[in-house]
């Protein structure tokens, strides 16, 4: 019944309803980013980046539309930002269980902590603010994950 009340833009922006879960909707959204990462991972980095740009642009549009439909600024139900941020966190990271788990944890940590300039970016209007703060947090997560792999290369082989 819930899905019948949503238009397709809101449906995608809420991660097919996962953003409406009462507990940890952002984490559930991040989990939905894993299949996107798995689809992008085998691609040449140029195509991976193109995929990230398309995800980001689609996210800006869809989250802005969903925000207007919901009627609140940056509502928690919108998780397309978390979905799109995870593949950015994992850019050029080897695929294994250890890196997926560490990438997930770093992504959530940076999204929650919102280091500068994430919080000011969040104030941008509409879908721009919804998406860009999470994508900036994903840049931090990606950098931290690359550093972790540099200093603990065993993580690449887990």
N, C-alpha and C. Protein backbone atom coordinates (compact mmCIF):
# COMPACT_ATOMS: atom_id res chain seq x y z
N UNK A 1 0.82 -1.19 0.00
CA UNK A 1 0.00 0.00 0.00
C UNK A 1 0.87 1.26 0.00
N UNK A 2 1.97 1.22 0.77
CA UNK A 2 2.88 2.36 0.88
C UNK A 2 3.38 2.79 -0.50
N UNK A 3 3.76 1.79 -1.33
CA UNK A 3 4.33 2.11 -2.63
C UNK A 3 3.30 2.74 -3.57
N UNK A 4 2.03 2.44 -3.38
CA UNK A 4 1.00 3.01 -4.23
C UNK A 4 0.84 4.51 -4.00
N UNK A 5 1.26 4.99 -2.83
CA UNK A 5 1.13 6.40 -2.50
C UNK A 5 2.28 7.24 -3.07
N UNK A 6 3.30 6.62 -3.60
CA UNK A 6 4.49 7.34 -4.05
C UNK A 6 4.55 7.43 -5.56
N UNK A 7 5.05 8.56 -6.02
CA UNK A 7 5.37 8.63 -7.44
C UNK A 7 6.74 7.99 -7.65
N UNK A 8 7.10 7.74 -8.89
CA UNK A 8 8.33 7.01 -9.16
C UNK A 8 9.57 7.75 -8.71
N UNK A 9 9.55 9.08 -8.76
CA UNK A 9 10.72 9.86 -8.33
C UNK A 9 10.94 9.71 -6.83
N UNK A 10 9.88 9.82 -6.08
CA UNK A 10 9.98 9.65 -4.62
C UNK A 10 10.35 8.21 -4.28
N UNK A 11 9.82 7.28 -5.03
CA UNK A 11 10.11 5.87 -4.80
C UNK A 11 11.62 5.60 -4.92
N UNK A 12 12.23 6.13 -5.97
CA UNK A 12 13.67 5.93 -6.15
C UNK A 12 14.46 6.72 -5.11
N UNK A 13 14.05 7.98 -4.86
CA UNK A 13 14.77 8.83 -3.90
C UNK A 13 14.74 8.25 -2.49
N UNK A 14 13.70 7.50 -2.15
CA UNK A 14 13.62 6.89 -0.83
C UNK A 14 14.19 5.48 -0.81
N UNK A 15 14.90 5.11 -1.86
CA UNK A 15 15.51 3.77 -1.90
C UNK A 15 14.45 2.69 -1.89
N UNK A 16 13.40 2.89 -2.68
CA UNK A 16 12.27 1.96 -2.76
C UNK A 16 11.64 1.73 -1.40
N UNK A 17 11.61 2.81 -0.61
CA UNK A 17 10.94 2.78 0.68
C UNK A 17 11.86 2.51 1.86
N UNK A 18 13.12 2.15 1.62
CA UNK A 18 14.01 1.86 2.75
C UNK A 18 14.26 3.10 3.59
N UNK A 19 14.16 4.27 2.97
CA UNK A 19 14.34 5.51 3.72
C UNK A 19 13.22 5.77 4.72
N UNK A 20 12.13 5.03 4.58
CA UNK A 20 11.00 5.20 5.49
C UNK A 20 11.05 4.21 6.66
N UNK A 21 12.09 3.40 6.71
CA UNK A 21 12.22 2.46 7.83
C UNK A 21 12.43 3.24 9.12
N UNK A 22 11.89 2.73 10.24
CA UNK A 22 11.99 3.48 11.49
C UNK A 22 13.39 3.50 12.11
N UNK A 23 14.25 2.57 11.70
CA UNK A 23 15.59 2.47 12.29
C UNK A 23 16.63 2.50 11.17
N UNK A 24 17.62 3.37 11.31
CA UNK A 24 18.80 3.43 10.46
C UNK A 24 18.50 3.52 8.96
N UNK A 25 17.64 4.44 8.54
CA UNK A 25 17.35 4.53 7.10
C UNK A 25 18.58 4.90 6.28
N UNK A 26 19.47 5.74 6.82
CA UNK A 26 20.68 6.10 6.08
C UNK A 26 21.60 4.91 5.88
N UNK A 27 21.72 4.08 6.88
CA UNK A 27 22.55 2.88 6.75
C UNK A 27 21.94 1.91 5.74
N UNK A 28 20.62 1.79 5.77
CA UNK A 28 19.95 0.93 4.79
C UNK A 28 20.15 1.47 3.38
N UNK A 29 20.10 2.79 3.23
CA UNK A 29 20.38 3.39 1.94
C UNK A 29 21.80 3.11 1.48
N UNK A 30 22.74 3.20 2.40
CA UNK A 30 24.13 2.91 2.06
C UNK A 30 24.28 1.47 1.60
N UNK A 31 23.57 0.56 2.24
CA UNK A 31 23.61 -0.84 1.80
C UNK A 31 23.13 -0.98 0.36
N UNK A 32 22.15 -0.17 -0.03
CA UNK A 32 21.67 -0.22 -1.41
C UNK A 32 22.72 0.29 -2.40
N UNK A 33 23.70 1.03 -1.90
CA UNK A 33 24.79 1.49 -2.76
C UNK A 33 25.77 0.38 -3.10
N UNK A 34 25.78 -0.70 -2.33
CA UNK A 34 26.72 -1.80 -2.59
C UNK A 34 26.50 -2.42 -3.97
N UNK A 35 25.26 -2.76 -4.36
CA UNK A 35 25.10 -3.31 -5.72
C UNK A 35 25.54 -2.34 -6.83
N UNK A 36 25.36 -1.04 -6.59
CA UNK A 36 25.85 -0.07 -7.58
C UNK A 36 27.36 -0.13 -7.67
N UNK A 37 28.02 -0.20 -6.52
CA UNK A 37 29.48 -0.33 -6.52
C UNK A 37 29.90 -1.61 -7.25
N UNK A 38 29.21 -2.71 -6.97
CA UNK A 38 29.56 -3.98 -7.62
C UNK A 38 29.40 -3.89 -9.13
N UNK A 39 28.42 -3.13 -9.59
CA UNK A 39 28.24 -2.94 -11.02
C UNK A 39 29.29 -2.03 -11.64
N UNK A 40 29.74 -1.03 -10.89
CA UNK A 40 30.74 -0.09 -11.41
C UNK A 40 32.17 -0.61 -11.27
N UNK A 41 32.42 -1.43 -10.27
CA UNK A 41 33.78 -1.87 -9.94
C UNK A 41 34.57 -2.43 -11.12
N UNK A 42 33.99 -3.28 -11.95
CA UNK A 42 34.80 -3.85 -13.04
C UNK A 42 35.09 -2.87 -14.20
N UNK A 43 34.48 -1.71 -14.18
CA UNK A 43 34.63 -0.77 -15.29
C UNK A 43 35.97 -0.03 -15.23
N UNK A 44 36.41 0.43 -16.37
CA UNK A 44 37.58 1.31 -16.45
C UNK A 44 37.28 2.54 -15.60
N UNK A 45 38.29 3.12 -14.93
CA UNK A 45 38.03 4.27 -14.07
C UNK A 45 37.28 5.43 -14.76
N UNK A 46 37.52 5.65 -16.04
CA UNK A 46 36.81 6.73 -16.73
C UNK A 46 35.30 6.44 -16.79
N UNK A 47 34.94 5.19 -17.02
CA UNK A 47 33.52 4.83 -17.06
C UNK A 47 32.93 4.80 -15.65
N UNK A 48 33.76 4.42 -14.68
CA UNK A 48 33.32 4.45 -13.27
C UNK A 48 32.97 5.89 -12.90
N UNK A 49 33.85 6.83 -13.25
CA UNK A 49 33.60 8.25 -12.96
C UNK A 49 32.33 8.73 -13.67
N UNK A 50 32.16 8.32 -14.92
CA UNK A 50 30.95 8.68 -15.65
C UNK A 50 29.72 8.15 -14.91
N UNK A 51 29.79 6.93 -14.42
CA UNK A 51 28.69 6.37 -13.64
C UNK A 51 28.42 7.19 -12.39
N UNK A 52 29.50 7.63 -11.70
CA UNK A 52 29.33 8.45 -10.50
C UNK A 52 28.67 9.78 -10.84
N UNK A 53 29.07 10.39 -11.95
CA UNK A 53 28.48 11.67 -12.36
C UNK A 53 26.99 11.47 -12.67
N UNK A 54 26.65 10.41 -13.36
CA UNK A 54 25.24 10.14 -13.68
C UNK A 54 24.43 9.86 -12.41
N UNK A 55 25.01 9.11 -11.48
CA UNK A 55 24.33 8.87 -10.20
C UNK A 55 24.12 10.18 -9.45
N UNK A 56 25.15 11.00 -9.40
CA UNK A 56 25.05 12.27 -8.70
C UNK A 56 24.02 13.20 -9.32
N UNK A 57 24.06 13.32 -10.64
CA UNK A 57 23.11 14.21 -11.33
C UNK A 57 21.67 13.70 -11.17
N UNK A 58 21.49 12.40 -11.31
CA UNK A 58 20.16 11.82 -11.11
C UNK A 58 19.69 12.04 -9.68
N UNK A 59 20.62 11.89 -8.75
CA UNK A 59 20.28 12.08 -7.33
C UNK A 59 19.87 13.50 -7.01
N UNK A 60 20.56 14.47 -7.60
CA UNK A 60 20.20 15.88 -7.38
C UNK A 60 18.77 16.11 -7.85
N UNK A 61 18.47 15.64 -9.05
CA UNK A 61 17.13 15.83 -9.60
C UNK A 61 16.07 15.09 -8.76
N UNK A 62 16.28 13.79 -8.53
CA UNK A 62 15.27 12.98 -7.85
C UNK A 62 15.08 13.40 -6.39
N UNK A 63 16.16 13.74 -5.71
CA UNK A 63 16.00 14.14 -4.30
C UNK A 63 15.32 15.50 -4.21
N UNK A 64 15.60 16.39 -5.15
CA UNK A 64 14.92 17.69 -5.17
C UNK A 64 13.43 17.52 -5.41
N UNK A 65 13.08 16.65 -6.35
CA UNK A 65 11.66 16.38 -6.62
C UNK A 65 10.98 15.74 -5.40
N UNK A 66 11.66 14.78 -4.79
CA UNK A 66 11.08 14.11 -3.62
C UNK A 66 10.93 15.09 -2.45
N UNK A 67 11.91 15.97 -2.28
CA UNK A 67 11.83 16.97 -1.21
C UNK A 67 10.61 17.86 -1.40
N UNK A 68 10.38 18.29 -2.63
CA UNK A 68 9.19 19.11 -2.92
C UNK A 68 7.91 18.32 -2.64
N UNK A 69 7.91 17.06 -3.02
CA UNK A 69 6.72 16.22 -2.83
C UNK A 69 6.45 15.98 -1.34
N UNK A 70 7.50 15.77 -0.57
CA UNK A 70 7.36 15.52 0.88
C UNK A 70 7.02 16.81 1.61
N UNK A 71 7.60 17.93 1.16
CA UNK A 71 7.28 19.22 1.74
C UNK A 71 8.14 19.64 2.92
N UNK A 72 9.32 18.98 3.09
CA UNK A 72 10.26 19.35 4.16
C UNK A 72 11.66 19.43 3.57
N UNK A 73 12.50 20.28 4.18
CA UNK A 73 13.90 20.42 3.77
C UNK A 73 14.68 19.17 4.17
N UNK A 74 15.37 18.57 3.22
CA UNK A 74 16.24 17.41 3.43
C UNK A 74 15.62 16.36 4.36
N UNK A 75 14.46 15.81 3.99
CA UNK A 75 13.81 14.82 4.86
C UNK A 75 14.63 13.53 4.94
N UNK A 76 14.59 12.92 6.10
CA UNK A 76 15.36 11.70 6.34
C UNK A 76 14.96 10.54 5.46
N UNK A 77 13.76 10.58 4.91
CA UNK A 77 13.30 9.48 4.06
C UNK A 77 14.09 9.39 2.76
N UNK A 78 14.67 10.50 2.35
CA UNK A 78 15.44 10.50 1.09
C UNK A 78 16.81 9.90 1.37
N UNK A 79 17.09 8.78 0.72
CA UNK A 79 18.36 8.09 0.93
C UNK A 79 19.16 7.90 -0.36
N UNK A 80 18.69 8.51 -1.44
CA UNK A 80 19.44 8.38 -2.69
C UNK A 80 20.84 8.98 -2.54
N UNK A 81 20.99 9.93 -1.63
CA UNK A 81 22.31 10.50 -1.38
C UNK A 81 23.25 9.46 -0.78
N UNK A 82 22.75 8.65 0.16
CA UNK A 82 23.56 7.58 0.73
C UNK A 82 23.84 6.49 -0.31
N UNK A 83 22.84 6.20 -1.13
CA UNK A 83 23.00 5.17 -2.16
C UNK A 83 24.11 5.58 -3.13
N UNK A 84 24.08 6.81 -3.59
CA UNK A 84 25.06 7.29 -4.57
C UNK A 84 26.44 7.52 -3.95
N UNK A 85 26.48 7.80 -2.65
CA UNK A 85 27.77 8.10 -2.01
C UNK A 85 28.64 6.86 -1.84
N UNK A 86 28.03 5.70 -1.65
CA UNK A 86 28.86 4.52 -1.38
C UNK A 86 29.80 4.18 -2.54
N UNK A 87 29.32 4.17 -3.79
CA UNK A 87 30.28 3.89 -4.87
C UNK A 87 31.41 4.92 -4.95
N UNK A 88 31.16 6.15 -4.56
CA UNK A 88 32.23 7.15 -4.53
C UNK A 88 33.24 6.80 -3.43
N UNK A 89 32.76 6.38 -2.28
CA UNK A 89 33.65 5.94 -1.21
C UNK A 89 34.59 4.83 -1.69
N UNK A 90 34.08 3.96 -2.55
CA UNK A 90 34.83 2.77 -2.96
C UNK A 90 35.62 2.96 -4.26
N UNK A 91 35.76 4.20 -4.74
CA UNK A 91 36.46 4.44 -6.00
C UNK A 91 37.91 3.97 -5.92
N UNK A 92 38.30 3.10 -6.84
CA UNK A 92 39.64 2.52 -6.96
C UNK A 92 40.05 1.70 -5.74
N UNK A 93 39.07 1.15 -5.06
CA UNK A 93 39.32 0.29 -3.90
C UNK A 93 39.13 -1.16 -4.33
N UNK A 94 40.05 -2.05 -3.96
CA UNK A 94 39.87 -3.46 -4.32
C UNK A 94 38.62 -4.04 -3.65
N UNK A 95 37.99 -4.94 -4.36
CA UNK A 95 36.74 -5.54 -3.88
C UNK A 95 37.03 -6.77 -3.03
N UNK A 96 36.68 -6.70 -1.77
CA UNK A 96 36.68 -7.87 -0.88
C UNK A 96 35.83 -7.53 0.34
N UNK A 97 35.58 -8.50 1.15
CA UNK A 97 34.71 -8.30 2.31
C UNK A 97 35.26 -7.23 3.25
N UNK A 98 36.57 -7.24 3.49
CA UNK A 98 37.17 -6.28 4.41
C UNK A 98 37.01 -4.85 3.94
N UNK A 99 37.25 -4.61 2.64
CA UNK A 99 37.13 -3.25 2.14
C UNK A 99 35.66 -2.81 2.08
N UNK A 100 34.75 -3.74 1.78
CA UNK A 100 33.33 -3.39 1.79
C UNK A 100 32.88 -2.97 3.19
N UNK A 101 33.27 -3.73 4.18
CA UNK A 101 32.86 -3.42 5.56
C UNK A 101 33.50 -2.11 6.02
N UNK A 102 34.80 -1.96 5.80
CA UNK A 102 35.48 -0.73 6.22
C UNK A 102 34.95 0.47 5.45
N UNK A 103 34.70 0.30 4.16
CA UNK A 103 34.13 1.38 3.35
C UNK A 103 32.75 1.78 3.86
N UNK A 104 31.94 0.80 4.20
CA UNK A 104 30.61 1.08 4.75
C UNK A 104 30.72 1.86 6.05
N UNK A 105 31.58 1.40 6.95
CA UNK A 105 31.73 2.06 8.25
C UNK A 105 32.28 3.47 8.12
N UNK A 106 33.29 3.66 7.27
CA UNK A 106 33.84 5.00 7.07
C UNK A 106 32.82 5.93 6.42
N UNK A 107 32.07 5.40 5.48
CA UNK A 107 31.04 6.19 4.81
C UNK A 107 30.01 6.67 5.82
N UNK A 108 29.54 5.79 6.68
CA UNK A 108 28.53 6.17 7.67
C UNK A 108 29.13 7.16 8.68
N UNK A 109 30.37 6.92 9.10
CA UNK A 109 31.03 7.81 10.05
C UNK A 109 31.16 9.23 9.50
N UNK A 110 31.61 9.34 8.26
CA UNK A 110 31.79 10.67 7.67
C UNK A 110 30.44 11.34 7.39
N UNK A 111 29.44 10.56 7.03
CA UNK A 111 28.11 11.13 6.78
C UNK A 111 27.51 11.66 8.08
N UNK A 112 27.72 10.96 9.17
CA UNK A 112 27.18 11.38 10.47
C UNK A 112 27.99 12.55 11.03
N UNK A 113 29.33 12.45 10.94
CA UNK A 113 30.20 13.50 11.51
C UNK A 113 30.14 14.79 10.69
N UNK A 114 29.93 14.68 9.40
CA UNK A 114 29.85 15.82 8.49
C UNK A 114 31.02 16.80 8.69
N UNK A 115 32.26 16.33 8.41
CA UNK A 115 33.39 17.26 8.54
C UNK A 115 33.27 18.39 7.53
N UNK A 116 33.93 19.52 7.85
CA UNK A 116 33.87 20.67 6.96
C UNK A 116 34.34 20.27 5.58
N UNK A 117 33.70 20.67 4.53
CA UNK A 117 32.59 21.62 4.40
C UNK A 117 31.23 20.96 4.22
N UNK A 118 31.06 19.74 4.71
CA UNK A 118 29.80 19.02 4.49
C UNK A 118 28.59 19.78 5.04
N UNK A 119 28.68 20.26 6.26
CA UNK A 119 27.53 20.93 6.87
C UNK A 119 27.11 22.19 6.10
N UNK A 120 28.06 23.08 5.74
CA UNK A 120 27.65 24.24 4.93
C UNK A 120 27.08 23.85 3.56
N UNK A 121 27.64 22.79 2.96
CA UNK A 121 27.13 22.32 1.67
C UNK A 121 25.68 21.86 1.80
N UNK A 122 25.37 21.26 2.93
CA UNK A 122 24.02 20.74 3.17
C UNK A 122 22.97 21.86 3.09
N UNK A 123 23.39 23.09 3.30
CA UNK A 123 22.45 24.22 3.28
C UNK A 123 22.08 24.65 1.86
N UNK A 124 22.75 24.11 0.85
CA UNK A 124 22.40 24.45 -0.54
C UNK A 124 20.94 24.06 -0.80
N UNK A 125 20.31 24.74 -1.73
CA UNK A 125 18.88 24.47 -1.96
C UNK A 125 18.60 23.13 -2.63
N UNK A 126 17.45 22.57 -2.29
CA UNK A 126 16.92 21.38 -2.96
C UNK A 126 17.85 20.20 -2.98
N UNK A 127 17.85 19.53 -4.12
CA UNK A 127 18.64 18.32 -4.28
C UNK A 127 20.13 18.55 -4.19
N UNK A 128 20.58 19.78 -4.46
CA UNK A 128 22.01 20.07 -4.36
C UNK A 128 22.52 19.86 -2.94
N UNK A 129 21.82 20.40 -1.97
CA UNK A 129 22.23 20.25 -0.58
C UNK A 129 22.09 18.82 -0.09
N UNK A 130 21.03 18.16 -0.53
CA UNK A 130 20.79 16.76 -0.13
C UNK A 130 21.94 15.88 -0.61
N UNK A 131 22.33 16.04 -1.86
CA UNK A 131 23.32 15.15 -2.45
C UNK A 131 24.76 15.53 -2.14
N UNK A 132 25.09 16.80 -2.28
CA UNK A 132 26.50 17.18 -2.25
C UNK A 132 27.16 17.02 -0.89
N UNK A 133 26.41 17.16 0.20
CA UNK A 133 27.05 16.95 1.51
C UNK A 133 27.46 15.49 1.67
N UNK A 134 26.62 14.57 1.19
CA UNK A 134 26.96 13.15 1.30
C UNK A 134 28.09 12.78 0.34
N UNK A 135 28.09 13.37 -0.83
CA UNK A 135 29.17 13.09 -1.77
C UNK A 135 30.50 13.63 -1.25
N UNK A 136 30.47 14.79 -0.59
CA UNK A 136 31.69 15.33 0.02
C UNK A 136 32.15 14.41 1.16
N UNK A 137 31.22 13.93 1.96
CA UNK A 137 31.57 12.98 3.03
C UNK A 137 32.16 11.71 2.43
N UNK A 138 31.67 11.30 1.26
CA UNK A 138 32.20 10.11 0.59
C UNK A 138 33.63 10.35 0.10
N UNK A 139 33.95 11.58 -0.29
CA UNK A 139 35.33 11.90 -0.68
C UNK A 139 36.26 11.68 0.52
N UNK A 140 35.83 12.15 1.70
CA UNK A 140 36.61 11.91 2.92
C UNK A 140 36.74 10.42 3.20
N UNK A 141 35.63 9.69 3.07
CA UNK A 141 35.64 8.24 3.32
C UNK A 141 36.60 7.54 2.37
N UNK A 142 36.54 7.93 1.11
CA UNK A 142 37.41 7.33 0.09
C UNK A 142 38.89 7.60 0.43
N UNK A 143 39.19 8.83 0.79
CA UNK A 143 40.57 9.18 1.14
C UNK A 143 41.05 8.38 2.35
N UNK A 144 40.20 8.27 3.36
CA UNK A 144 40.56 7.49 4.55
C UNK A 144 40.74 6.01 4.22
N UNK A 145 39.91 5.50 3.35
CA UNK A 145 40.02 4.09 2.96
C UNK A 145 41.31 3.85 2.18
N UNK A 146 41.65 4.76 1.30
CA UNK A 146 42.93 4.64 0.57
C UNK A 146 44.11 4.71 1.53
N UNK A 147 44.04 5.60 2.52
CA UNK A 147 45.11 5.67 3.52
C UNK A 147 45.20 4.38 4.32
N UNK A 148 44.06 3.84 4.70
CA UNK A 148 44.05 2.58 5.45
C UNK A 148 44.72 1.48 4.63
N UNK A 149 44.41 1.41 3.34
CA UNK A 149 45.01 0.39 2.49
C UNK A 149 46.51 0.62 2.29
N UNK A 150 46.91 1.87 2.30
CA UNK A 150 48.33 2.21 2.15
C UNK A 150 49.13 1.73 3.36
N UNK A 151 48.58 1.95 4.56
CA UNK A 151 49.31 1.62 5.79
C UNK A 151 49.03 0.20 6.29
N UNK A 152 47.91 -0.38 5.86
CA UNK A 152 47.57 -1.76 6.22
C UNK A 152 47.17 -2.50 4.96
N UNK A 153 48.15 -2.80 4.11
CA UNK A 153 47.84 -3.43 2.81
C UNK A 153 47.16 -4.79 2.96
N UNK A 154 47.26 -5.38 4.11
CA UNK A 154 46.59 -6.67 4.31
C UNK A 154 45.07 -6.53 4.09
N UNK A 155 44.54 -5.32 4.30
CA UNK A 155 43.11 -5.09 4.07
C UNK A 155 42.72 -5.37 2.63
N UNK A 156 43.64 -5.16 1.71
CA UNK A 156 43.35 -5.38 0.29
C UNK A 156 43.17 -6.85 -0.03
N UNK A 157 43.69 -7.70 0.83
CA UNK A 157 43.60 -9.14 0.55
C UNK A 157 42.58 -9.89 1.37
N UNK A 158 41.84 -9.21 2.22
CA UNK A 158 40.87 -9.90 3.07
C UNK A 158 39.72 -10.46 2.27
